Amino acid sequence: MASAVVAVFDAYDEAQSTVNELMSAGFNRNEIKLNEGEGTAQGTQRTSRPGGGVKGFFQNLFGTERKEDDIRLYDEAVRHGNYVVTAITENDAKSEIASEVMSHHHPVDIDKRSSEWFGSTGQATSIPVVQEEVKIGKREVQRGGVRVFKRVTEIPVEEDVTLREERVVVERVPVDKPASSADLSAFKEGSAEFRERGEEAVVGKTARVVEEVRVGTEIGERKERIKEKIRKTGVEVERTGPDRYREHWQANYANQGGRYEDYAPAYDYGAWASTSDLYQNRSWDQVEPELRTDWETRYPTSKWERFKDSIRHAFSRKDKGY
């Protein structure tokens, strides 16, 4: 299965030297493409294809199954005046040769350069992290109270009082003595009146304040624990692009010898299978026999058992949107 090895250079001399060395290593001229940056002063014609210019060339090169980000990345390199060298290979051995030749001529770090390009042109994506806040305040509410009623009641009162009474007492006392002139002057008709005196109880009432009922308010404090749930969005950040599986390789295969580039085709194959109409909506156990047959047809020198876990890792990431 044909594949492409791509490198980006700042200087035309580096790109042309890469092309010359690739031809010395056994590549035909029609297997090598050199795309010059826009606005460069070189006299050679930029490589392009009908239907889309430079971007169309990369779309034809990578095919529709390659992510749009990869196509846009190399198109952006050309737009910024860089030189892109592409080697078309038909097997892993030639891919390794092309990678080794290109690394001799100081290609740019495309991941670092892409962050500079897309950051300066305002194409970075901002993902907001949203979290709710709970604001607890206080408000005055009406609760219970006190109502005071005033009524007049009668209370029976008893008290003993000593009253003085005066009576007229008439007493006849026998007397035998000669009558005096005073006695003779009283010898005529007349009357005398003697009054009796006594005391009676008199009841008087006076009002006195004997108690006050005072009604007021007192202020206290109490603590109350408020329990509520808030929502927050989470953002997971994972590496994408050509090296998005390097951490998995580092953790599982780095200590067994070999290079990441040996496993990269397996990761790419698993990622392709996860989005292919032939295998979507099917589990790994269902598609493994078919993938093994297809893999051994495409890569007869690469043993399935060696690369199966790498393919499965990339295939399983389809549930995360890769």
Foldseek 3Di string as FASTA:
>chain_A
DKAKDKFKAQDPVLQVVLLVVLVVVPADNVQKAKAWAPPDPDPDDGDADPDPGQLVVVCVRHDPLDDPVVSVLVVVSRPVGIMMMMGMDQAPVSNVVSVVSSVVSDTDPSVVVVCVVCVVVVNDDDDDKDKDDDDDDDDDDDDDDDDDDDDDDDDDDDDDDDKFWFDDDDDDDDDDDDDDVVNVVPPDDDDDDDDIDIDDDDDDDDDDDDDDDDDDDDDDDDDDDDDDDMDIDDDDDADDDQCRCVVVCVVPPPVVDDDVSVQSVLLVLLLSQLPDPVRDPHDCVVCVVVSQVVVCVSHVPDHCVVRVVSSNVNNVCVVVVD
